Amino acid sequence: MTDLLLKPGEIALVGFDDWFTAPDGGQYQGAYGPVTILRAEDLLGFKPKGSADWFAQVGYGDKAVLLAGCRIHTASPTQTFKGAPGKIYDAR
């Protein structure tokens, strides 16, 4: 990879193909917060076959969500977000 759309830790709005359960127990279609891209092999300790080979972590600590890269539909770096209750998880 040479030029990345998202720099490590950059705040972004990330939309996913499916709903996911966030640490607060709610169901969401997207997440907003600092994004870190992780290799599956580094995260899992082995290289999965026929599966996602990278994950996106949005947020840090107790608020972080970790989702397979193949489930990401959109990702937009942004410093402003007004919220979308019930649809976008705020992982800041």
C-alpha atoms as a PDB file:
ATOM      1  CA  MET A   1       0.000   0.000   0.000  1.00  0.00           C
ATOM      2  CA  THR A   2       1.351   3.389  -0.892  1.00  0.00           C
ATOM      3  CA  ASP A   3      -1.354   6.033  -0.507  1.00  0.00           C
ATOM      4  CA  LEU A   4      -4.020   5.352   2.080  1.00  0.00           C
ATOM      5  CA  LEU A   5      -7.370   7.088   2.166  1.00  0.00           C
ATOM      6  CA  LEU A   6      -7.344   6.867   5.967  1.00  0.00           C
ATOM      7  CA  LYS A   7      -4.228   7.525   8.001  1.00  0.00           C
ATOM      8  CA  PRO A   8      -3.824   5.420  11.178  1.00  0.00           C
ATOM      9  CA  GLY A   9      -5.951   6.915  13.963  1.00  0.00           C
ATOM     10  CA  GLU A  10      -7.704   9.366  11.630  1.00  0.00           C
ATOM     11  CA  ILE A  11     -11.336  10.053  12.520  1.00  0.00           C
ATOM     12  CA  ALA A  12     -13.760   8.721   9.928  1.00  0.00           C
ATOM     13  CA  LEU A  13     -17.340   7.723   9.305  1.00  0.00           C
ATOM     14  CA  VAL A  14     -17.395   4.036   8.293  1.00  0.00           C
ATOM     15  CA  GLY A  15     -20.490   2.360   6.820  1.00  0.00           C
ATOM     16  CA  PHE A  16     -20.915  -1.411   6.872  1.00  0.00           C
ATOM     17  CA  ASP A  17     -22.840  -3.869   4.688  1.00  0.00           C
ATOM     18  CA  ASP A  18     -24.707  -5.321   7.655  1.00  0.00           C
ATOM     19  CA  TRP A  19     -25.854  -4.305  11.120  1.00  0.00           C
ATOM     20  CA  PHE A  20     -23.439  -5.026  13.971  1.00  0.00           C
ATOM     21  CA  THR A  21     -23.710  -5.049  17.748  1.00  0.00           C
ATOM     22  CA  ALA A  22     -21.629  -2.349  19.455  1.00  0.00           C
ATOM     23  CA  PRO A  23     -20.219  -2.477  22.994  1.00  0.00           C
ATOM     24  CA  ASP A  24     -23.279  -0.562  24.264  1.00  0.00           C
ATOM     25  CA  GLY A  25     -25.511  -3.435  23.102  1.00  0.00           C
ATOM     26  CA  GLY A  26     -27.138  -1.407  20.307  1.00  0.00           C
ATOM     27  CA  GLN A  27     -27.421  -2.427  16.654  1.00  0.00           C
ATOM     28  CA  TYR A  28     -25.792  -0.068  14.125  1.00  0.00           C
ATOM     29  CA  GLN A  29     -24.998   0.209  10.407  1.00  0.00           C
ATOM     30  CA  GLY A  30     -21.936   2.410  10.770  1.00  0.00           C
ATOM     31  CA  ALA A  31     -19.380   3.758  13.213  1.00  0.00           C
ATOM     32  CA  TYR A  32     -17.690   7.121  13.746  1.00  0.00           C
ATOM     33  CA  GLY A  33     -14.302   7.498  15.403  1.00  0.00           C
ATOM     34  CA  PRO A  34     -10.558   6.983  15.001  1.00  0.00           C
ATOM     35  CA  VAL A  35      -9.822   4.143  12.567  1.00  0.00           C
ATOM     36  CA  THR A  36      -6.971   1.647  12.741  1.00  0.00           C
ATOM     37  CA  ILE A  37      -6.487  -1.042  10.090  1.00  0.00           C
ATOM     38  CA  LEU A  38      -5.249  -4.390  11.409  1.00  0.00           C
ATOM     39  CA  ARG A  39      -3.966  -7.417   9.499  1.00  0.00           C
ATOM     40  CA  ALA A  40      -5.906 -10.588  10.297  1.00  0.00           C
ATOM     41  CA  GLU A  41      -2.701 -12.554  10.758  1.00  0.00           C
ATOM     42  CA  ASP A  42      -1.436 -10.082  13.394  1.00  0.00           C
ATOM     43  CA  LEU A  43      -4.807  -9.982  15.136  1.00  0.00           C
ATOM     44  CA  LEU A  44      -5.688 -13.692  15.069  1.00  0.00           C
ATOM     45  CA  GLY A  45      -2.233 -15.261  15.054  1.00  0.00           C
ATOM     46  CA  PHE A  46      -2.892 -17.081  11.778  1.00  0.00           C
ATOM     47  CA  LYS A  47      -3.788 -16.184   8.201  1.00  0.00           C
ATOM     48  CA  PRO A  48      -7.437 -17.076   7.472  1.00  0.00           C
ATOM     49  CA  LYS A  49      -8.150 -18.742   4.128  1.00  0.00           C
ATOM     50  CA  GLY A  50     -11.065 -17.546   2.031  1.00  0.00           C
ATOM     51  CA  SER A  51     -11.919 -14.857   4.541  1.00  0.00           C
ATOM     52  CA  ALA A  52     -11.144 -11.247   5.371  1.00  0.00           C
ATOM     53  CA  ASP A  53      -7.408 -10.662   5.595  1.00  0.00           C
ATOM     54  CA  TRP A  54      -7.796  -7.323   7.384  1.00  0.00           C
ATOM     55  CA  PHE A  55     -10.026  -5.671   9.972  1.00  0.00           C
ATOM     56  CA  ALA A  56     -10.979  -2.107  10.798  1.00  0.00           C
ATOM     57  CA  GLN A  57     -10.983  -1.046  14.430  1.00  0.00           C
ATOM     58  CA  VAL A  58     -13.097   2.064  14.989  1.00  0.00           C
ATOM     59  CA  GLY A  59     -12.518   3.693  18.368  1.00  0.00           C
ATOM     60  CA  TYR A  60     -10.258   2.720  21.254  1.00  0.00           C
ATOM     61  CA  GLY A  61     -10.623   0.840  24.500  1.00  0.00           C
ATOM     62  CA  ASP A  62     -14.097  -0.035  25.756  1.00  0.00           C
ATOM     63  CA  LYS A  63     -15.850   1.845  22.927  1.00  0.00           C
ATOM     64  CA  ALA A  64     -13.952   0.153  20.067  1.00  0.00           C
ATOM     65  CA  VAL A  65     -15.640  -2.007  17.434  1.00  0.00           C
ATOM     66  CA  LEU A  66     -13.708  -4.435  15.263  1.00  0.00           C
ATOM     67  CA  LEU A  67     -15.153  -5.456  11.905  1.00  0.00           C
ATOM     68  CA  ALA A  68     -13.899  -7.452   8.937  1.00  0.00           C
ATOM     69  CA  GLY A  69     -12.647  -5.293   6.079  1.00  0.00           C
ATOM     70  CA  CYS A  70     -14.795  -7.168   3.567  1.00  0.00           C
ATOM     71  CA  ARG A  71     -17.920  -5.836   5.360  1.00  0.00           C
ATOM     72  CA  ILE A  72     -16.984  -2.152   4.915  1.00  0.00           C
ATOM     73  CA  HIS A  73     -19.187  -0.385   2.394  1.00  0.00           C
ATOM     74  CA  THR A  74     -17.931   3.201   2.757  1.00  0.00           C
ATOM     75  CA  ALA A  75     -15.246   5.089   4.682  1.00  0.00           C
ATOM     76  CA  SER A  76     -14.935   8.870   4.743  1.00  0.00           C
ATOM     77  CA  PRO A  77     -12.438  10.852   6.786  1.00  0.00           C
ATOM     78  CA  THR A  78     -14.234  13.680   8.580  1.00  0.00           C
ATOM     79  CA  GLN A  79     -13.847  15.832  11.672  1.00  0.00           C
ATOM     80  CA  THR A  80     -17.543  16.690  11.920  1.00  0.00           C
ATOM     81  CA  PHE A  81     -20.451  14.397  12.577  1.00  0.00           C
ATOM     82  CA  LYS A  82     -23.884  15.454  13.787  1.00  0.00           C
ATOM     83  CA  GLY A  83     -25.031  11.937  14.617  1.00  0.00           C
ATOM     84  CA  ALA A  84     -27.651   9.547  13.379  1.00  0.00           C
ATOM     85  CA  PRO A  85     -29.250   8.010  16.469  1.00  0.00           C
ATOM     86  CA  GLY A  86     -29.860   4.295  16.111  1.00  0.00           C
ATOM     87  CA  LYS A  87     -27.821   3.989  12.922  1.00  0.00           C
ATOM     88  CA  ILE A  88     -24.282   5.246  13.547  1.00  0.00           C
ATOM     89  CA  TYR A  89     -22.267   4.225  16.605  1.00  0.00           C
ATOM     90  CA  ASP A  90     -20.106   7.008  18.091  1.00  0.00           C
ATOM     91  CA  ALA A  91     -16.870   5.273  19.065  1.00  0.00           C
ATOM     92  CA  ARG A  92     -14.999   8.414  20.131  1.00  0.00           C
END
